[in-house]
Amino acid sequence: MRSSDCDLIFVPGQGGSEQEHWQTRWEQKLTTARRVHQLDWERPNKALWVDSIVAALDKATKPTIIIAHSVGVLASVAAMQKLGLQEIKNTTLAGAFLVAPAGKAYVISTDTVDHTFADISHAPLPVPSTLIASHNDPFCPFLDVEEMAFAWGSAFVDAGESGHLNVASGHGPWPEGLMRFAGFLSKLDK
């Protein structure tokens, strides 16, 4: 599958992925990309974020790939759980590319993120997925991410010592991630 054959739905985390963030850069270059917009990027509300993702999936007309980062990963997983397996089979959702999820400890420790995000589903995801994370991400311990990948049935990519895979950690354009994403798409053809 090529990116031009899909609806690409970008789900940023807290802050909304600034101009130099890889999500924003990819979104601007990929013609079928669009961002799930939120009312408040700084104070994520789980119910509102999940509803926004579900609405974006409802509007998709082609095979759809979610590309999520940080708290956006948690919202995307919750949206898939809200839809449920039967309803997802009736949508166009074809895969999820998940990067540097926020962890339970971070969610609980901050006053700016809805604490219900800490209730992270461990049910298998209903679509093929890849989860990429680093050993020194300050927002989620590596062992927690490994458990998420295993529970969700995601292909797991160890990004080494790469921080939160955002602008602050030196991952503005993130060409390695784009190559991983292309590889993920190519496997969806099979």
N, C-alpha and C. Protein backbone atom coordinates (compact mmCIF):
# COMPACT_ATOMS: atom_id res chain seq x y z
N MET A 1 0.84 -1.17 0.00
CA MET A 1 0.00 0.00 0.00
C MET A 1 0.90 1.24 0.00
N ARG A 2 0.50 2.23 -0.75
CA ARG A 2 1.22 3.50 -0.77
C ARG A 2 0.45 4.54 0.03
N SER A 3 1.15 5.56 0.50
CA SER A 3 0.48 6.58 1.31
C SER A 3 -0.62 7.28 0.51
N SER A 4 -0.45 7.40 -0.81
CA SER A 4 -1.46 8.06 -1.63
C SER A 4 -2.73 7.22 -1.76
N ASP A 5 -2.66 5.94 -1.40
CA ASP A 5 -3.83 5.06 -1.45
C ASP A 5 -4.64 5.08 -0.16
N CYS A 6 -4.18 5.83 0.84
CA CYS A 6 -4.77 5.80 2.17
C CYS A 6 -5.23 7.19 2.62
N ASP A 7 -6.12 7.19 3.58
CA ASP A 7 -6.38 8.40 4.37
C ASP A 7 -5.46 8.29 5.57
N LEU A 8 -4.59 9.27 5.74
CA LEU A 8 -3.64 9.28 6.86
C LEU A 8 -4.15 10.24 7.91
N ILE A 9 -4.46 9.72 9.07
CA ILE A 9 -4.99 10.54 10.16
C ILE A 9 -3.92 10.70 11.23
N PHE A 10 -3.44 11.93 11.37
CA PHE A 10 -2.40 12.25 12.35
C PHE A 10 -3.06 12.63 13.68
N VAL A 11 -2.59 12.00 14.75
CA VAL A 11 -3.11 12.26 16.08
C VAL A 11 -1.94 12.68 16.97
N PRO A 12 -1.68 14.00 17.05
CA PRO A 12 -0.60 14.49 17.92
C PRO A 12 -0.92 14.29 19.39
N GLY A 13 0.10 14.47 20.19
CA GLY A 13 -0.08 14.42 21.63
C GLY A 13 -0.28 15.82 22.19
N GLN A 14 -0.06 15.93 23.48
CA GLN A 14 -0.22 17.20 24.17
C GLN A 14 0.64 18.27 23.50
N GLY A 15 0.06 19.41 23.24
CA GLY A 15 0.77 20.49 22.58
C GLY A 15 0.50 20.54 21.09
N GLY A 16 0.05 19.45 20.49
CA GLY A 16 -0.36 19.46 19.10
C GLY A 16 0.73 19.33 18.05
N SER A 17 1.93 18.93 18.39
CA SER A 17 3.03 18.77 17.43
C SER A 17 3.33 20.07 16.68
N GLU A 18 4.27 20.80 17.22
CA GLU A 18 4.65 22.09 16.67
C GLU A 18 5.16 21.99 15.23
N GLN A 19 5.42 23.12 14.62
CA GLN A 19 5.77 23.22 13.20
C GLN A 19 6.96 22.33 12.80
N GLU A 20 7.95 22.20 13.66
CA GLU A 20 9.14 21.41 13.32
C GLU A 20 9.03 19.93 13.67
N HIS A 21 7.95 19.54 14.29
CA HIS A 21 7.74 18.15 14.70
C HIS A 21 7.58 17.27 13.47
N TRP A 22 8.06 16.04 13.54
CA TRP A 22 7.97 15.12 12.40
C TRP A 22 6.53 14.91 11.95
N GLN A 23 5.58 14.88 12.89
CA GLN A 23 4.19 14.68 12.47
C GLN A 23 3.72 15.83 11.57
N THR A 24 4.02 17.04 11.96
CA THR A 24 3.60 18.20 11.17
C THR A 24 4.30 18.20 9.82
N ARG A 25 5.59 17.90 9.81
CA ARG A 25 6.34 17.85 8.54
C ARG A 25 5.78 16.79 7.61
N TRP A 26 5.52 15.59 8.13
CA TRP A 26 4.97 14.52 7.30
C TRP A 26 3.59 14.91 6.79
N GLU A 27 2.78 15.45 7.67
CA GLU A 27 1.42 15.85 7.30
C GLU A 27 1.43 16.84 6.14
N GLN A 28 2.39 17.75 6.15
CA GLN A 28 2.47 18.76 5.10
C GLN A 28 2.95 18.17 3.77
N LYS A 29 3.70 17.07 3.82
CA LYS A 29 4.24 16.47 2.60
C LYS A 29 3.38 15.36 2.01
N LEU A 30 2.59 14.73 2.82
CA LEU A 30 1.79 13.60 2.35
C LEU A 30 0.40 14.10 1.96
N THR A 31 0.04 13.92 0.72
CA THR A 31 -1.15 14.56 0.15
C THR A 31 -2.47 14.09 0.75
N THR A 32 -2.52 12.89 1.29
CA THR A 32 -3.78 12.39 1.83
C THR A 32 -3.84 12.51 3.36
N ALA A 33 -2.97 13.32 3.92
CA ALA A 33 -2.88 13.46 5.37
C ALA A 33 -3.80 14.55 5.89
N ARG A 34 -4.32 14.29 7.08
CA ARG A 34 -5.04 15.33 7.80
C ARG A 34 -4.88 15.08 9.29
N ARG A 35 -4.99 16.14 10.04
CA ARG A 35 -4.78 16.09 11.49
C ARG A 35 -6.14 16.03 12.20
N VAL A 36 -6.17 15.25 13.25
CA VAL A 36 -7.33 15.28 14.13
C VAL A 36 -7.13 16.49 15.03
N HIS A 37 -8.03 17.46 14.92
CA HIS A 37 -7.92 18.68 15.72
C HIS A 37 -8.63 18.51 17.05
N GLN A 38 -8.09 19.14 18.07
CA GLN A 38 -8.65 19.08 19.40
C GLN A 38 -8.97 20.49 19.88
N LEU A 39 -9.95 20.62 20.75
CA LEU A 39 -10.32 21.93 21.28
C LEU A 39 -9.22 22.51 22.15
N ASP A 40 -8.53 21.65 22.90
CA ASP A 40 -7.48 22.12 23.81
C ASP A 40 -6.29 21.17 23.75
N TRP A 41 -5.26 21.59 23.03
CA TRP A 41 -4.05 20.76 22.88
C TRP A 41 -3.25 20.68 24.18
N GLU A 42 -3.37 21.68 25.03
CA GLU A 42 -2.54 21.74 26.24
C GLU A 42 -3.12 20.96 27.41
N ARG A 43 -4.44 20.74 27.40
CA ARG A 43 -5.10 20.02 28.49
C ARG A 43 -5.94 18.89 27.90
N PRO A 44 -5.28 17.80 27.48
CA PRO A 44 -5.99 16.70 26.84
C PRO A 44 -7.12 16.14 27.71
N ASN A 45 -8.29 16.02 27.09
CA ASN A 45 -9.46 15.42 27.72
C ASN A 45 -9.75 14.14 26.95
N LYS A 46 -9.70 13.02 27.64
CA LYS A 46 -9.79 11.73 26.96
C LYS A 46 -11.09 11.56 26.17
N ALA A 47 -12.22 11.84 26.77
CA ALA A 47 -13.50 11.63 26.08
C ALA A 47 -13.58 12.48 24.81
N LEU A 48 -13.18 13.75 24.91
CA LEU A 48 -13.24 14.64 23.75
C LEU A 48 -12.26 14.21 22.66
N TRP A 49 -11.03 13.82 23.07
CA TRP A 49 -10.03 13.40 22.09
C TRP A 49 -10.47 12.12 21.39
N VAL A 50 -10.99 11.17 22.14
CA VAL A 50 -11.45 9.91 21.55
C VAL A 50 -12.57 10.19 20.56
N ASP A 51 -13.53 11.02 20.94
CA ASP A 51 -14.64 11.35 20.03
C ASP A 51 -14.15 12.01 18.75
N SER A 52 -13.12 12.85 18.84
CA SER A 52 -12.56 13.49 17.65
C SER A 52 -11.94 12.47 16.70
N ILE A 53 -11.27 11.47 17.26
CA ILE A 53 -10.66 10.43 16.44
C ILE A 53 -11.75 9.58 15.77
N VAL A 54 -12.75 9.20 16.53
CA VAL A 54 -13.85 8.40 15.97
C VAL A 54 -14.53 9.18 14.84
N ALA A 55 -14.74 10.48 15.02
CA ALA A 55 -15.36 11.31 13.97
C ALA A 55 -14.48 11.35 12.73
N ALA A 56 -13.17 11.45 12.91
CA ALA A 56 -12.25 11.46 11.76
C ALA A 56 -12.30 10.12 11.02
N LEU A 57 -12.39 9.02 11.75
CA LEU A 57 -12.49 7.71 11.11
C LEU A 57 -13.79 7.57 10.34
N ASP A 58 -14.85 8.14 10.88
CA ASP A 58 -16.14 8.09 10.20
C ASP A 58 -16.12 8.83 8.86
N LYS A 59 -15.29 9.85 8.74
CA LYS A 59 -15.22 10.66 7.51
C LYS A 59 -14.31 10.05 6.45
N ALA A 60 -13.49 9.09 6.84
CA ALA A 60 -12.52 8.51 5.91
C ALA A 60 -13.23 7.72 4.82
N THR A 61 -12.67 7.79 3.62
CA THR A 61 -13.27 7.10 2.48
C THR A 61 -12.35 6.02 1.89
N LYS A 62 -11.10 6.03 2.28
CA LYS A 62 -10.12 5.05 1.78
C LYS A 62 -9.58 4.27 2.97
N PRO A 63 -8.79 3.23 2.73
CA PRO A 63 -8.13 2.58 3.86
C PRO A 63 -7.41 3.65 4.69
N THR A 64 -7.61 3.57 6.00
CA THR A 64 -7.16 4.64 6.89
C THR A 64 -6.08 4.15 7.83
N ILE A 65 -5.06 4.96 7.98
CA ILE A 65 -3.97 4.68 8.90
C ILE A 65 -3.91 5.79 9.94
N ILE A 66 -3.91 5.41 11.21
CA ILE A 66 -3.70 6.36 12.30
C ILE A 66 -2.21 6.47 12.54
N ILE A 67 -1.71 7.70 12.63
CA ILE A 67 -0.30 7.97 12.95
C ILE A 67 -0.31 8.82 14.21
N ALA A 68 -0.01 8.19 15.34
CA ALA A 68 -0.19 8.85 16.64
C ALA A 68 1.12 8.98 17.41
N HIS A 69 1.18 10.02 18.23
CA HIS A 69 2.35 10.29 19.07
C HIS A 69 1.91 10.61 20.49
N SER A 70 2.63 10.08 21.47
CA SER A 70 2.50 10.43 22.88
C SER A 70 1.09 10.19 23.43
N VAL A 71 0.46 11.21 23.99
CA VAL A 71 -0.91 11.06 24.50
C VAL A 71 -1.85 10.72 23.35
N GLY A 72 -1.51 11.12 22.13
CA GLY A 72 -2.30 10.76 20.97
C GLY A 72 -2.37 9.25 20.76
N VAL A 73 -1.33 8.53 21.16
CA VAL A 73 -1.35 7.06 21.09
C VAL A 73 -2.43 6.53 22.02
N LEU A 74 -2.44 7.04 23.25
CA LEU A 74 -3.43 6.57 24.23
C LEU A 74 -4.85 6.88 23.76
N ALA A 75 -5.05 8.06 23.19
CA ALA A 75 -6.37 8.44 22.68
C ALA A 75 -6.76 7.55 21.51
N SER A 76 -5.81 7.24 20.64
CA SER A 76 -6.09 6.40 19.46
C SER A 76 -6.46 4.98 19.87
N VAL A 77 -5.73 4.43 20.82
CA VAL A 77 -6.03 3.08 21.31
C VAL A 77 -7.41 3.08 21.97
N ALA A 78 -7.72 4.11 22.75
CA ALA A 78 -9.04 4.20 23.38
C ALA A 78 -10.15 4.34 22.33
N ALA A 79 -9.87 5.06 21.25
CA ALA A 79 -10.87 5.20 20.17
C ALA A 79 -11.13 3.84 19.51
N MET A 80 -10.07 3.08 19.27
CA MET A 80 -10.25 1.76 18.68
C MET A 80 -11.06 0.87 19.61
N GLN A 81 -10.81 0.96 20.91
CA GLN A 81 -11.56 0.17 21.89
C GLN A 81 -13.01 0.63 21.94
N LYS A 82 -13.24 1.94 21.84
CA LYS A 82 -14.61 2.45 21.87
C LYS A 82 -15.40 1.94 20.66
N LEU A 83 -14.76 1.95 19.50
CA LEU A 83 -15.45 1.46 18.31
C LEU A 83 -15.75 -0.03 18.41
N GLY A 84 -14.82 -0.76 18.97
CA GLY A 84 -15.00 -2.20 19.08
C GLY A 84 -14.67 -2.91 17.78
N LEU A 85 -14.38 -4.17 17.89
CA LEU A 85 -13.94 -4.96 16.75
C LEU A 85 -14.96 -4.98 15.63
N GLN A 86 -16.23 -5.21 15.93
CA GLN A 86 -17.23 -5.33 14.88
C GLN A 86 -17.37 -4.01 14.12
N GLU A 87 -17.41 -2.90 14.84
CA GLU A 87 -17.57 -1.62 14.17
C GLU A 87 -16.33 -1.25 13.36
N ILE A 88 -15.15 -1.60 13.85
CA ILE A 88 -13.93 -1.31 13.09
C ILE A 88 -13.93 -2.10 11.77
N LYS A 89 -14.47 -3.30 11.79
CA LYS A 89 -14.56 -4.08 10.54
C LYS A 89 -15.45 -3.37 9.52
N ASN A 90 -16.35 -2.53 10.00
CA ASN A 90 -17.24 -1.79 9.11
C ASN A 90 -16.70 -0.41 8.75
N THR A 91 -15.52 -0.06 9.22
CA THR A 91 -14.89 1.21 8.86
C THR A 91 -13.76 0.94 7.89
N THR A 92 -13.04 1.99 7.57
CA THR A 92 -11.91 1.86 6.66
C THR A 92 -10.58 1.71 7.40
N LEU A 93 -10.59 1.66 8.74
CA LEU A 93 -9.34 1.60 9.49
C LEU A 93 -8.53 0.37 9.09
N ALA A 94 -7.30 0.61 8.64
CA ALA A 94 -6.45 -0.48 8.15
C ALA A 94 -5.20 -0.69 8.98
N GLY A 95 -4.79 0.30 9.80
CA GLY A 95 -3.58 0.13 10.58
C GLY A 95 -3.32 1.31 11.50
N ALA A 96 -2.36 1.12 12.41
CA ALA A 96 -1.98 2.17 13.35
C ALA A 96 -0.47 2.19 13.51
N PHE A 97 0.12 3.36 13.34
CA PHE A 97 1.55 3.60 13.49
C PHE A 97 1.70 4.45 14.74
N LEU A 98 2.17 3.84 15.83
CA LEU A 98 2.15 4.44 17.15
C LEU A 98 3.57 4.75 17.63
N VAL A 99 3.79 5.99 18.07
CA VAL A 99 5.15 6.43 18.41
C VAL A 99 5.17 7.05 19.80
N ALA A 100 6.09 6.56 20.64
CA ALA A 100 6.40 7.14 21.95
C ALA A 100 5.15 7.43 22.79
N PRO A 101 4.40 6.39 23.15
CA PRO A 101 3.20 6.64 23.95
C PRO A 101 3.55 7.22 25.31
N ALA A 102 2.67 8.06 25.81
CA ALA A 102 2.80 8.53 27.19
C ALA A 102 2.45 7.36 28.10
N GLY A 103 3.04 7.33 29.26
CA GLY A 103 2.79 6.23 30.19
C GLY A 103 1.88 6.63 31.33
N LYS A 104 1.42 5.62 32.04
CA LYS A 104 0.50 5.80 33.15
C LYS A 104 1.07 6.73 34.22
N ALA A 105 2.33 6.53 34.58
CA ALA A 105 2.94 7.36 35.64
C ALA A 105 2.97 8.83 35.24
N TYR A 106 3.27 9.12 33.96
CA TYR A 106 3.27 10.51 33.51
C TYR A 106 1.87 11.10 33.61
N VAL A 107 0.88 10.37 33.12
CA VAL A 107 -0.49 10.87 33.12
C VAL A 107 -0.95 11.20 34.54
N ILE A 108 -0.66 10.31 35.47
CA ILE A 108 -1.08 10.51 36.85
C ILE A 108 -0.33 11.66 37.52
N SER A 109 0.91 11.88 37.10
CA SER A 109 1.75 12.88 37.78
C SER A 109 1.54 14.31 37.29
N THR A 110 0.79 14.51 36.24
CA THR A 110 0.61 15.86 35.71
C THR A 110 -0.82 16.34 35.92
N ASP A 111 -0.95 17.63 36.12
CA ASP A 111 -2.29 18.22 36.28
C ASP A 111 -2.87 18.66 34.95
N THR A 112 -2.10 18.58 33.87
CA THR A 112 -2.57 19.10 32.59
C THR A 112 -3.19 18.04 31.68
N VAL A 113 -3.05 16.77 32.06
CA VAL A 113 -3.62 15.68 31.25
C VAL A 113 -4.71 14.99 32.06
N ASP A 114 -5.86 14.79 31.43
CA ASP A 114 -6.98 14.07 32.04
C ASP A 114 -6.47 12.73 32.58
N HIS A 115 -6.66 12.49 33.86
CA HIS A 115 -6.12 11.29 34.50
C HIS A 115 -6.77 10.01 34.01
N THR A 116 -7.91 10.10 33.32
CA THR A 116 -8.52 8.87 32.79
C THR A 116 -7.69 8.27 31.65
N PHE A 117 -6.75 9.05 31.11
CA PHE A 117 -5.82 8.48 30.12
C PHE A 117 -4.96 7.38 30.74
N ALA A 118 -4.82 7.38 32.07
CA ALA A 118 -4.00 6.38 32.75
C ALA A 118 -4.62 4.99 32.68
N ASP A 119 -5.90 4.91 32.35
CA ASP A 119 -6.56 3.63 32.17
C ASP A 119 -6.26 3.14 30.75
N ILE A 120 -5.08 2.57 30.58
CA ILE A 120 -4.59 2.16 29.26
C ILE A 120 -5.05 0.73 28.97
N SER A 121 -5.78 0.58 27.90
CA SER A 121 -6.28 -0.73 27.52
C SER A 121 -5.12 -1.68 27.19
N HIS A 122 -5.29 -2.93 27.60
CA HIS A 122 -4.32 -3.96 27.25
C HIS A 122 -4.95 -5.02 26.36
N ALA A 123 -6.06 -4.66 25.73
CA ALA A 123 -6.70 -5.58 24.78
C ALA A 123 -5.97 -5.49 23.44
N PRO A 124 -5.90 -6.59 22.70
CA PRO A 124 -5.25 -6.55 21.38
C PRO A 124 -5.94 -5.55 20.46
N LEU A 125 -5.15 -4.86 19.66
CA LEU A 125 -5.71 -3.91 18.71
C LEU A 125 -6.32 -4.68 17.54
N PRO A 126 -7.39 -4.16 16.97
CA PRO A 126 -8.11 -4.88 15.92
C PRO A 126 -7.52 -4.71 14.52
N VAL A 127 -6.41 -3.97 14.41
CA VAL A 127 -5.76 -3.75 13.11
C VAL A 127 -4.26 -3.93 13.28
N PRO A 128 -3.53 -4.18 12.19
CA PRO A 128 -2.08 -4.25 12.29
C PRO A 128 -1.52 -2.94 12.83
N SER A 129 -0.49 -3.05 13.66
CA SER A 129 0.10 -1.85 14.24
C SER A 129 1.58 -2.03 14.48
N THR A 130 2.26 -0.89 14.50
CA THR A 130 3.67 -0.82 14.87
C THR A 130 3.79 0.18 16.01
N LEU A 131 4.57 -0.16 17.01
CA LEU A 131 4.81 0.72 18.15
C LEU A 131 6.31 0.97 18.25
N ILE A 132 6.70 2.24 18.20
CA ILE A 132 8.11 2.63 18.27
C ILE A 132 8.34 3.40 19.57
N ALA A 133 9.40 3.03 20.29
CA ALA A 133 9.69 3.72 21.55
C ALA A 133 11.18 3.66 21.85
N SER A 134 11.60 4.53 22.76
CA SER A 134 13.00 4.63 23.11
C SER A 134 13.23 4.26 24.57
N HIS A 135 14.46 3.90 24.88
CA HIS A 135 14.84 3.50 26.24
C HIS A 135 14.82 4.65 27.23
N ASN A 136 15.04 5.86 26.76
CA ASN A 136 15.16 6.99 27.69
C ASN A 136 14.07 8.04 27.48
N ASP A 137 12.89 7.60 27.10
CA ASP A 137 11.75 8.51 26.95
C ASP A 137 11.32 8.94 28.35
N PRO A 138 11.35 10.25 28.65
CA PRO A 138 10.98 10.70 29.99
C PRO A 138 9.49 10.57 30.30
N PHE A 139 8.68 10.26 29.29
CA PHE A 139 7.23 10.19 29.49
C PHE A 139 6.69 8.77 29.63
N CYS A 140 7.57 7.76 29.44
CA CYS A 140 7.12 6.38 29.61
C CYS A 140 8.31 5.43 29.73
N PRO A 141 8.36 4.66 30.82
CA PRO A 141 9.45 3.69 30.96
C PRO A 141 9.41 2.65 29.84
N PHE A 142 10.58 2.23 29.40
CA PHE A 142 10.70 1.30 28.29
C PHE A 142 9.96 -0.02 28.56
N LEU A 143 10.05 -0.52 29.78
CA LEU A 143 9.36 -1.78 30.10
C LEU A 143 7.85 -1.64 29.94
N ASP A 144 7.32 -0.48 30.27
CA ASP A 144 5.88 -0.25 30.10
C ASP A 144 5.49 -0.27 28.62
N VAL A 145 6.34 0.32 27.79
CA VAL A 145 6.05 0.34 26.35
C VAL A 145 6.13 -1.07 25.78
N GLU A 146 7.12 -1.83 26.20
CA GLU A 146 7.21 -3.22 25.75
C GLU A 146 5.94 -4.00 26.10
N GLU A 147 5.41 -3.77 27.32
CA GLU A 147 4.18 -4.44 27.73
C GLU A 147 3.00 -4.00 26.86
N MET A 148 2.93 -2.70 26.54
CA MET A 148 1.87 -2.21 25.67
C MET A 148 1.94 -2.91 24.31
N ALA A 149 3.13 -2.95 23.73
CA ALA A 149 3.29 -3.56 22.40
C ALA A 149 2.85 -5.02 22.42
N PHE A 150 3.26 -5.74 23.46
CA PHE A 150 2.90 -7.16 23.57
C PHE A 150 1.39 -7.30 23.70
N ALA A 151 0.78 -6.52 24.60
CA ALA A 151 -0.66 -6.62 24.84
C ALA A 151 -1.46 -6.25 23.59
N TRP A 152 -1.02 -5.21 22.89
CA TRP A 152 -1.75 -4.73 21.71
C TRP A 152 -1.49 -5.58 20.47
N GLY A 153 -0.48 -6.45 20.52
CA GLY A 153 -0.14 -7.24 19.34
C GLY A 153 0.60 -6.42 18.30
N SER A 154 1.26 -5.36 18.75
CA SER A 154 1.97 -4.46 17.83
C SER A 154 3.37 -4.98 17.53
N ALA A 155 3.81 -4.78 16.29
CA ALA A 155 5.23 -5.00 15.98
C ALA A 155 5.98 -3.92 16.76
N PHE A 156 7.02 -4.31 17.48
CA PHE A 156 7.72 -3.37 18.35
C PHE A 156 9.06 -2.98 17.75
N VAL A 157 9.32 -1.68 17.72
CA VAL A 157 10.60 -1.16 17.22
C VAL A 157 11.30 -0.44 18.36
N ASP A 158 12.47 -0.93 18.72
CA ASP A 158 13.30 -0.33 19.77
C ASP A 158 14.11 0.80 19.13
N ALA A 159 13.84 2.03 19.52
CA ALA A 159 14.51 3.20 18.94
C ALA A 159 15.78 3.59 19.68
N GLY A 160 16.26 2.72 20.55
CA GLY A 160 17.50 3.01 21.27
C GLY A 160 17.33 4.15 22.27
N GLU A 161 18.36 4.96 22.37
CA GLU A 161 18.35 6.12 23.29
C GLU A 161 17.94 7.35 22.49
N SER A 162 16.65 7.52 22.27
CA SER A 162 16.15 8.58 21.38
C SER A 162 15.19 9.56 22.03
N GLY A 163 15.07 9.52 23.34
CA GLY A 163 14.17 10.45 24.01
C GLY A 163 12.72 10.20 23.63
N HIS A 164 11.95 11.28 23.56
CA HIS A 164 10.51 11.19 23.30
C HIS A 164 10.17 11.22 21.81
N LEU A 165 11.18 11.12 20.96
CA LEU A 165 10.98 11.13 19.51
C LEU A 165 10.16 12.34 19.08
N ASN A 166 10.65 13.49 19.50
CA ASN A 166 10.02 14.76 19.18
C ASN A 166 11.10 15.79 18.86
N VAL A 167 10.72 17.03 18.68
CA VAL A 167 11.68 18.07 18.34
C VAL A 167 12.75 18.22 19.42
N ALA A 168 12.33 18.19 20.68
CA ALA A 168 13.27 18.36 21.80
C ALA A 168 14.35 17.28 21.82
N SER A 169 14.03 16.09 21.31
CA SER A 169 15.02 15.01 21.30
C SER A 169 15.77 14.93 19.97
N GLY A 170 15.58 15.94 19.11
CA GLY A 170 16.31 15.99 17.84
C GLY A 170 15.62 15.27 16.69
N HIS A 171 14.33 15.02 16.83
CA HIS A 171 13.59 14.29 15.79
C HIS A 171 12.58 15.20 15.10
N GLY A 172 13.09 16.25 14.48
CA GLY A 172 12.25 17.14 13.69
C GLY A 172 11.73 16.40 12.47
N PRO A 173 12.53 16.28 11.41
CA PRO A 173 12.04 15.59 10.21
C PRO A 173 11.93 14.07 10.40
N TRP A 174 12.79 13.46 11.17
CA TRP A 174 12.83 12.04 11.49
C TRP A 174 12.71 11.15 10.25
N PRO A 175 13.71 11.20 9.36
CA PRO A 175 13.67 10.39 8.14
C PRO A 175 13.65 8.89 8.42
N GLU A 176 14.30 8.44 9.51
CA GLU A 176 14.27 7.01 9.84
C GLU A 176 12.84 6.56 10.13
N GLY A 177 12.07 7.42 10.79
CA GLY A 177 10.68 7.09 11.08
C GLY A 177 9.85 7.00 9.82
N LEU A 178 10.12 7.91 8.88
CA LEU A 178 9.38 7.88 7.62
C LEU A 178 9.68 6.59 6.84
N MET A 179 10.93 6.14 6.91
CA MET A 179 11.28 4.86 6.27
C MET A 179 10.55 3.70 6.96
N ARG A 180 10.48 3.74 8.29
CA ARG A 180 9.74 2.71 9.03
C ARG A 180 8.27 2.72 8.64
N PHE A 181 7.73 3.94 8.49
CA PHE A 181 6.32 4.07 8.12
C PHE A 181 6.09 3.49 6.73
N ALA A 182 6.98 3.76 5.79
CA ALA A 182 6.85 3.19 4.44
C ALA A 182 6.90 1.67 4.50
N GLY A 183 7.77 1.12 5.34
CA GLY A 183 7.84 -0.33 5.51
C GLY A 183 6.55 -0.89 6.10
N PHE A 184 6.00 -0.17 7.06
CA PHE A 184 4.72 -0.58 7.67
C PHE A 184 3.61 -0.63 6.61
N LEU A 185 3.53 0.42 5.79
CA LEU A 185 2.52 0.46 4.74
C LEU A 185 2.70 -0.69 3.75
N SER A 186 3.95 -0.98 3.38
CA SER A 186 4.19 -2.04 2.39
C SER A 186 3.73 -3.40 2.91
N LYS A 187 3.78 -3.61 4.21
CA LYS A 187 3.33 -4.90 4.77
C LYS A 187 1.81 -5.02 4.80
N LEU A 188 1.11 -3.89 4.72
CA LEU A 188 -0.35 -3.94 4.72
C LEU A 188 -0.90 -4.47 3.41
N ASP A 189 -0.08 -4.48 2.37
CA ASP A 189 -0.50 -5.03 1.07
C ASP A 189 -0.61 -6.56 1.12
N LYS A 190 0.10 -7.15 2.03
CA LYS A 190 0.24 -8.61 2.02
C LYS A 190 -0.83 -9.30 2.82
